[in-house]
Amino acid sequence: MSLSRTLREALDQGRLRSPILLAGDSLDGDEGDLGPWPAAVLVAVVDRPEPSVILTLRPATMRRHAGQISFPGGRIDPGDAGPVEAALREAEEEIGLAPERVEIVGIADRYRTITGFDVTPVVGVVPPDVELRPHPGEVEALFEAPLRYLLEPAHQRVRSVGWRGRERTYYEIDYEGRRIWGATAAMIVNLGRRLALEHEAR
């Protein structure tokens, strides 16, 4: 079975199972509860023998979420037809991923960040030979992490920290010294619960 079909069917079955999902308890900024601003990210799964996910490191100079690891994505503009078009547009702008090289397999669960973004994760499959060109103003580094590793619950650690007089919890995934946390980690956790693949991701 192809990777695209496996992910599509797993997403569909995950919705039937109705797992408990994270609605929005990330700690990923300090701008406060503004918005909500509709946004979309592309969860680009590379079709390798061991599938991987494309992630970006945001420059430390950015106004929002500086220095964090994230999926390519951003706000849904008025001219976008919806989250899929927005995610593809942002991925092309940020990492040079041509939209025609992405096979969309489904929409994952929306996630509300503490900074006021209502994020829709769009899941797509890309070929292993896809050409990427990171935008230097928006992406400091680009890397892939194995899908199986990210979805493994043992790698998804719950952390807590005091913030604005409250204790908040968030997920954190460490991959080869890279700290994936906040909204990105929460969306990965949600995706894993939907897919229910755990050790069987392929």
C-alpha atoms as a PDB file:
ATOM      1  CA  MET A   1       0.000   0.000   0.000  1.00  0.00           C
ATOM      2  CA  SER A   2       1.309   3.453  -0.872  1.00  0.00           C
ATOM      3  CA  LEU A   3       2.257   5.938   1.838  1.00  0.00           C
ATOM      4  CA  SER A   4      -0.437   8.349   0.633  1.00  0.00           C
ATOM      5  CA  ARG A   5      -3.163   5.736   0.897  1.00  0.00           C
ATOM      6  CA  THR A   6      -1.900   4.532   4.289  1.00  0.00           C
ATOM      7  CA  LEU A   7      -1.993   8.052   5.733  1.00  0.00           C
ATOM      8  CA  ARG A   8      -5.354   8.893   4.153  1.00  0.00           C
ATOM      9  CA  GLU A   9      -7.014   5.745   5.469  1.00  0.00           C
ATOM     10  CA  ALA A  10      -5.405   6.087   8.887  1.00  0.00           C
ATOM     11  CA  LEU A  11      -6.669   9.672   9.199  1.00  0.00           C
ATOM     12  CA  ASP A  12     -10.173   8.573   8.232  1.00  0.00           C
ATOM     13  CA  GLN A  13     -10.138   5.677  10.681  1.00  0.00           C
ATOM     14  CA  GLY A  14      -8.737   7.932  13.392  1.00  0.00           C
ATOM     15  CA  ARG A  15     -11.743  10.218  13.069  1.00  0.00           C
ATOM     16  CA  LEU A  16     -14.034   7.240  13.512  1.00  0.00           C
ATOM     17  CA  ARG A  17     -12.167   6.289  16.675  1.00  0.00           C
ATOM     18  CA  SER A  18     -12.533   9.852  18.019  1.00  0.00           C
ATOM     19  CA  PRO A  19      -9.417   9.921  20.222  1.00  0.00           C
ATOM     20  CA  ILE A  20      -8.892  12.565  22.888  1.00  0.00           C
ATOM     21  CA  LEU A  21      -7.099  15.478  21.260  1.00  0.00           C
ATOM     22  CA  LEU A  22      -5.284  18.567  22.487  1.00  0.00           C
ATOM     23  CA  ALA A  23      -7.435  21.633  21.881  1.00  0.00           C
ATOM     24  CA  GLY A  24      -4.828  24.288  22.534  1.00  0.00           C
ATOM     25  CA  ASP A  25      -2.582  24.304  25.560  1.00  0.00           C
ATOM     26  CA  SER A  26       0.734  25.246  24.038  1.00  0.00           C
ATOM     27  CA  LEU A  27       3.186  27.738  25.434  1.00  0.00           C
ATOM     28  CA  ASP A  28       4.797  29.258  22.377  1.00  0.00           C
ATOM     29  CA  GLY A  29       4.842  33.022  22.671  1.00  0.00           C
ATOM     30  CA  ASP A  30       4.033  36.103  24.694  1.00  0.00           C
ATOM     31  CA  GLU A  31       1.760  38.259  22.547  1.00  0.00           C
ATOM     32  CA  GLY A  32      -1.371  37.305  24.505  1.00  0.00           C
ATOM     33  CA  ASP A  33      -4.833  36.261  23.422  1.00  0.00           C
ATOM     34  CA  LEU A  34      -5.259  38.260  20.248  1.00  0.00           C
ATOM     35  CA  GLY A  35      -7.070  37.065  17.170  1.00  0.00           C
ATOM     36  CA  PRO A  36      -8.107  34.395  16.550  1.00  0.00           C
ATOM     37  CA  TRP A  37      -6.193  34.435  13.301  1.00  0.00           C
ATOM     38  CA  PRO A  38      -6.855  31.537  10.915  1.00  0.00           C
ATOM     39  CA  ALA A  39      -3.616  29.898   9.861  1.00  0.00           C
ATOM     40  CA  ALA A  40      -2.464  26.720   8.143  1.00  0.00           C
ATOM     41  CA  VAL A  41       0.683  24.611   8.155  1.00  0.00           C
ATOM     42  CA  LEU A  42       1.865  21.888   5.817  1.00  0.00           C
ATOM     43  CA  VAL A  43       2.811  18.582   7.430  1.00  0.00           C
ATOM     44  CA  ALA A  44       4.935  17.410   4.492  1.00  0.00           C
ATOM     45  CA  VAL A  45       5.721  13.684   4.766  1.00  0.00           C
ATOM     46  CA  VAL A  46       8.593  12.582   2.538  1.00  0.00           C
ATOM     47  CA  ASP A  47       7.913   9.267   0.810  1.00  0.00           C
ATOM     48  CA  ARG A  48      11.046   7.394   1.829  1.00  0.00           C
ATOM     49  CA  PRO A  49      11.442   3.749   2.956  1.00  0.00           C
ATOM     50  CA  GLU A  50      11.433   5.350   6.424  1.00  0.00           C
ATOM     51  CA  PRO A  51       9.022   8.295   5.943  1.00  0.00           C
ATOM     52  CA  SER A  52      10.143  11.612   7.385  1.00  0.00           C
ATOM     53  CA  VAL A  53       8.583  15.005   8.068  1.00  0.00           C
ATOM     54  CA  ILE A  54       9.963  18.331   6.849  1.00  0.00           C
ATOM     55  CA  LEU A  55      10.524  20.858   9.635  1.00  0.00           C
ATOM     56  CA  THR A  56      12.008  24.340   9.715  1.00  0.00           C
ATOM     57  CA  LEU A  57      13.939  26.381  12.258  1.00  0.00           C
ATOM     58  CA  ARG A  58      12.695  29.950  12.375  1.00  0.00           C
ATOM     59  CA  PRO A  59      15.334  32.727  12.544  1.00  0.00           C
ATOM     60  CA  ALA A  60      15.976  34.246  15.956  1.00  0.00           C
ATOM     61  CA  THR A  61      15.232  37.671  14.465  1.00  0.00           C
ATOM     62  CA  MET A  62      11.575  36.947  13.651  1.00  0.00           C
ATOM     63  CA  ARG A  63       8.894  38.840  15.580  1.00  0.00           C
ATOM     64  CA  ARG A  64       6.761  35.782  16.336  1.00  0.00           C
ATOM     65  CA  HIS A  65       7.947  32.346  17.482  1.00  0.00           C
ATOM     66  CA  ALA A  66      11.581  33.281  16.919  1.00  0.00           C
ATOM     67  CA  GLY A  67      14.065  30.424  17.021  1.00  0.00           C
ATOM     68  CA  GLN A  68      11.372  27.776  17.176  1.00  0.00           C
ATOM     69  CA  ILE A  69      10.985  24.635  15.105  1.00  0.00           C
ATOM     70  CA  SER A  70       7.815  24.586  13.067  1.00  0.00           C
ATOM     71  CA  PHE A  71       6.037  23.269  10.012  1.00  0.00           C
ATOM     72  CA  PRO A  72       6.025  25.558   6.978  1.00  0.00           C
ATOM     73  CA  GLY A  73       2.940  27.727   7.222  1.00  0.00           C
ATOM     74  CA  GLY A  74       1.344  30.983   8.255  1.00  0.00           C
ATOM     75  CA  ARG A  75      -1.827  33.019   8.194  1.00  0.00           C
ATOM     76  CA  ILE A  76      -4.629  32.235   5.781  1.00  0.00           C
ATOM     77  CA  ASP A  77      -4.868  35.291   3.555  1.00  0.00           C
ATOM     78  CA  PRO A  78      -8.198  36.652   2.234  1.00  0.00           C
ATOM     79  CA  GLY A  79      -7.166  35.566  -1.271  1.00  0.00           C
ATOM     80  CA  ASP A  80      -6.594  31.952  -0.251  1.00  0.00           C
ATOM     81  CA  ALA A  81      -9.330  29.473  -1.135  1.00  0.00           C
ATOM     82  CA  GLY A  82      -8.849  27.760   2.227  1.00  0.00           C
ATOM     83  CA  PRO A  83      -6.272  26.107   4.470  1.00  0.00           C
ATOM     84  CA  VAL A  84      -4.924  23.784   1.770  1.00  0.00           C
ATOM     85  CA  GLU A  85      -4.149  26.637  -0.607  1.00  0.00           C
ATOM     86  CA  ALA A  86      -2.685  28.694   2.250  1.00  0.00           C
ATOM     87  CA  ALA A  87      -0.457  25.840   3.451  1.00  0.00           C
ATOM     88  CA  LEU A  88       0.823  25.176  -0.070  1.00  0.00           C
ATOM     89  CA  ARG A  89       1.439  28.889  -0.702  1.00  0.00           C
ATOM     90  CA  GLU A  90       3.334  29.315   2.551  1.00  0.00           C
ATOM     91  CA  ALA A  91       5.407  26.172   1.943  1.00  0.00           C
ATOM     92  CA  GLU A  92       6.388  27.466  -1.477  1.00  0.00           C
ATOM     93  CA  GLU A  93       7.308  30.868  -0.039  1.00  0.00           C
ATOM     94  CA  GLU A  94       9.248  29.499   2.942  1.00  0.00           C
ATOM     95  CA  ILE A  95      11.015  26.418   1.600  1.00  0.00           C
ATOM     96  CA  GLY A  96      10.523  26.582  -2.177  1.00  0.00           C
ATOM     97  CA  LEU A  97       8.284  23.501  -2.248  1.00  0.00           C
ATOM     98  CA  ALA A  98       6.339  23.532  -5.512  1.00  0.00           C
ATOM     99  CA  PRO A  99       2.604  22.924  -4.863  1.00  0.00           C
ATOM    100  CA  GLU A 100       2.352  20.440  -7.718  1.00  0.00           C
ATOM    101  CA  ARG A 101       4.880  18.226  -5.954  1.00  0.00           C
ATOM    102  CA  VAL A 102       2.582  17.772  -2.937  1.00  0.00           C
ATOM    103  CA  GLU A 103      -0.131  15.112  -2.814  1.00  0.00           C
ATOM    104  CA  ILE A 104      -2.665  16.259  -0.234  1.00  0.00           C
ATOM    105  CA  VAL A 105      -3.937  13.308   1.806  1.00  0.00           C
ATOM    106  CA  GLY A 106      -6.037  14.984   4.459  1.00  0.00           C
ATOM    107  CA  ILE A 107      -6.698  17.656   7.029  1.00  0.00           C
ATOM    108  CA  ALA A 108      -5.659  17.083  10.627  1.00  0.00           C
ATOM    109  CA  ASP A 109      -7.265  18.663  13.675  1.00  0.00           C
ATOM    110  CA  ARG A 110      -7.191  22.424  14.165  1.00  0.00           C
ATOM    111  CA  TYR A 111      -5.123  23.717  17.048  1.00  0.00           C
ATOM    112  CA  ARG A 112      -5.469  27.049  18.836  1.00  0.00           C
ATOM    113  CA  THR A 113      -2.187  28.533  20.031  1.00  0.00           C
ATOM    114  CA  ILE A 114      -1.805  30.722  23.067  1.00  0.00           C
ATOM    115  CA  THR A 115      -0.797  33.560  20.729  1.00  0.00           C
ATOM    116  CA  GLY A 116      -4.209  33.521  19.061  1.00  0.00           C
ATOM    117  CA  PHE A 117      -3.641  31.480  15.907  1.00  0.00           C
ATOM    118  CA  ASP A 118      -6.275  28.929  14.910  1.00  0.00           C
ATOM    119  CA  VAL A 119      -4.058  26.527  12.952  1.00  0.00           C
ATOM    120  CA  THR A 120      -5.221  23.900  10.470  1.00  0.00           C
ATOM    121  CA  PRO A 121      -2.571  21.220   9.748  1.00  0.00           C
ATOM    122  CA  VAL A 122      -2.680  20.045   6.126  1.00  0.00           C
ATOM    123  CA  VAL A 123      -1.080  16.639   5.593  1.00  0.00           C
ATOM    124  CA  GLY A 124       0.639  15.969   2.272  1.00  0.00           C
ATOM    125  CA  VAL A 125       3.115  13.520   0.784  1.00  0.00           C
ATOM    126  CA  VAL A 126       6.122  14.664  -1.230  1.00  0.00           C
ATOM    127  CA  PRO A 127       8.628  12.601  -3.255  1.00  0.00           C
ATOM    128  CA  PRO A 128      12.137  12.037  -1.857  1.00  0.00           C
ATOM    129  CA  ASP A 129      13.773  13.918  -4.736  1.00  0.00           C
ATOM    130  CA  VAL A 130      11.754  17.103  -4.228  1.00  0.00           C
ATOM    131  CA  GLU A 131      13.819  20.287  -4.584  1.00  0.00           C
ATOM    132  CA  LEU A 132      13.689  22.697  -1.653  1.00  0.00           C
ATOM    133  CA  ARG A 133      15.020  26.255  -1.428  1.00  0.00           C
ATOM    134  CA  PRO A 134      14.673  27.758   2.058  1.00  0.00           C
ATOM    135  CA  HIS A 135      13.900  31.471   2.167  1.00  0.00           C
ATOM    136  CA  PRO A 136      16.744  33.033   4.195  1.00  0.00           C
ATOM    137  CA  GLY A 137      14.473  35.628   5.768  1.00  0.00           C
ATOM    138  CA  GLU A 138      11.999  33.058   7.082  1.00  0.00           C
ATOM    139  CA  VAL A 139      13.971  29.838   7.531  1.00  0.00           C
ATOM    140  CA  GLU A 140      17.291  29.544   9.300  1.00  0.00           C
ATOM    141  CA  ALA A 141      17.568  25.783   8.788  1.00  0.00           C
ATOM    142  CA  LEU A 142      15.636  22.957   7.206  1.00  0.00           C
ATOM    143  CA  PHE A 143      15.702  19.310   8.265  1.00  0.00           C
ATOM    144  CA  GLU A 144      13.751  16.053   8.238  1.00  0.00           C
ATOM    145  CA  ALA A 145      12.738  13.963  11.238  1.00  0.00           C
ATOM    146  CA  PRO A 146      11.484  10.362  10.979  1.00  0.00           C
ATOM    147  CA  LEU A 147       7.701  10.135  11.180  1.00  0.00           C
ATOM    148  CA  ARG A 148       7.960   6.991  13.292  1.00  0.00           C
ATOM    149  CA  TYR A 149      10.167   8.788  15.832  1.00  0.00           C
ATOM    150  CA  LEU A 150       7.879  11.814  16.095  1.00  0.00           C
ATOM    151  CA  LEU A 151       4.766   9.697  16.605  1.00  0.00           C
ATOM    152  CA  GLU A 152       6.323   7.510  19.279  1.00  0.00           C
ATOM    153  CA  PRO A 153       4.589   8.455  22.569  1.00  0.00           C
ATOM    154  CA  ALA A 154       7.765   7.733  24.540  1.00  0.00           C
ATOM    155  CA  HIS A 155       9.422  10.671  22.742  1.00  0.00           C
ATOM    156  CA  GLN A 156       6.567  13.080  23.523  1.00  0.00           C
ATOM    157  CA  ARG A 157       7.386  14.553  26.924  1.00  0.00           C
ATOM    158  CA  VAL A 158       4.995  16.726  28.912  1.00  0.00           C
ATOM    159  CA  ARG A 159       6.637  19.799  30.419  1.00  0.00           C
ATOM    160  CA  SER A 160       5.299  22.563  32.618  1.00  0.00           C
ATOM    161  CA  VAL A 161       6.338  26.125  33.297  1.00  0.00           C
ATOM    162  CA  GLY A 162       4.971  29.172  35.092  1.00  0.00           C
ATOM    163  CA  TRP A 163       3.714  31.787  32.647  1.00  0.00           C
ATOM    164  CA  ARG A 164       1.737  34.942  33.448  1.00  0.00           C
ATOM    165  CA  GLY A 165       0.954  33.692  36.930  1.00  0.00           C
ATOM    166  CA  ARG A 166      -0.264  30.287  35.785  1.00  0.00           C
ATOM    167  CA  GLU A 167       1.304  26.888  35.381  1.00  0.00           C
ATOM    168  CA  ARG A 168       1.027  25.771  31.786  1.00  0.00           C
ATOM    169  CA  THR A 169       1.845  22.429  30.265  1.00  0.00           C
ATOM    170  CA  TYR A 170       3.148  21.724  26.798  1.00  0.00           C
ATOM    171  CA  TYR A 171       4.624  18.874  24.786  1.00  0.00           C
ATOM    172  CA  GLU A 172       8.262  18.641  23.842  1.00  0.00           C
ATOM    173  CA  ILE A 173      10.004  16.232  21.468  1.00  0.00           C
ATOM    174  CA  ASP A 174      13.781  16.088  21.333  1.00  0.00           C
ATOM    175  CA  TYR A 175      15.232  14.918  18.040  1.00  0.00           C
ATOM    176  CA  GLU A 176      19.016  14.826  17.724  1.00  0.00           C
ATOM    177  CA  GLY A 177      19.356  17.818  20.014  1.00  0.00           C
ATOM    178  CA  ARG A 178      16.607  19.771  18.278  1.00  0.00           C
ATOM    179  CA  ARG A 179      13.794  20.877  20.567  1.00  0.00           C
ATOM    180  CA  ILE A 180      10.370  20.539  18.964  1.00  0.00           C
ATOM    181  CA  TRP A 181       7.805  22.001  21.343  1.00  0.00           C
ATOM    182  CA  GLY A 182       4.672  24.066  21.813  1.00  0.00           C
ATOM    183  CA  ALA A 183       2.111  24.119  19.039  1.00  0.00           C
ATOM    184  CA  THR A 184       4.245  22.080  16.603  1.00  0.00           C
ATOM    185  CA  ALA A 185       4.724  19.272  19.119  1.00  0.00           C
ATOM    186  CA  ALA A 186       1.038  19.391  20.077  1.00  0.00           C
ATOM    187  CA  MET A 187      -0.018  19.030  16.439  1.00  0.00           C
ATOM    188  CA  ILE A 188       2.348  16.066  16.089  1.00  0.00           C
ATOM    189  CA  VAL A 189       0.785  14.455  19.173  1.00  0.00           C
ATOM    190  CA  ASN A 190      -2.704  15.034  17.772  1.00  0.00           C
ATOM    191  CA  LEU A 191      -1.697  13.620  14.409  1.00  0.00           C
ATOM    192  CA  GLY A 192      -0.282  10.519  16.085  1.00  0.00           C
ATOM    193  CA  ARG A 193      -3.507   9.993  17.999  1.00  0.00           C
ATOM    194  CA  ARG A 194      -5.517  10.315  14.807  1.00  0.00           C
ATOM    195  CA  LEU A 195      -3.279   8.000  12.844  1.00  0.00           C
ATOM    196  CA  ALA A 196      -3.002   5.535  15.718  1.00  0.00           C
ATOM    197  CA  LEU A 197       0.097   4.184  14.020  1.00  0.00           C
ATOM    198  CA  GLU A 198       2.553   4.477  16.908  1.00  0.00           C
ATOM    199  CA  HIS A 199       5.150   1.742  16.285  1.00  0.00           C
ATOM    200  CA  GLU A 200       3.617   0.817  12.910  1.00  0.00           C
ATOM    201  CA  ALA A 201       4.219   4.133  11.077  1.00  0.00           C
ATOM    202  CA  ARG A 202       5.497   3.434   7.607  1.00  0.00           C
END
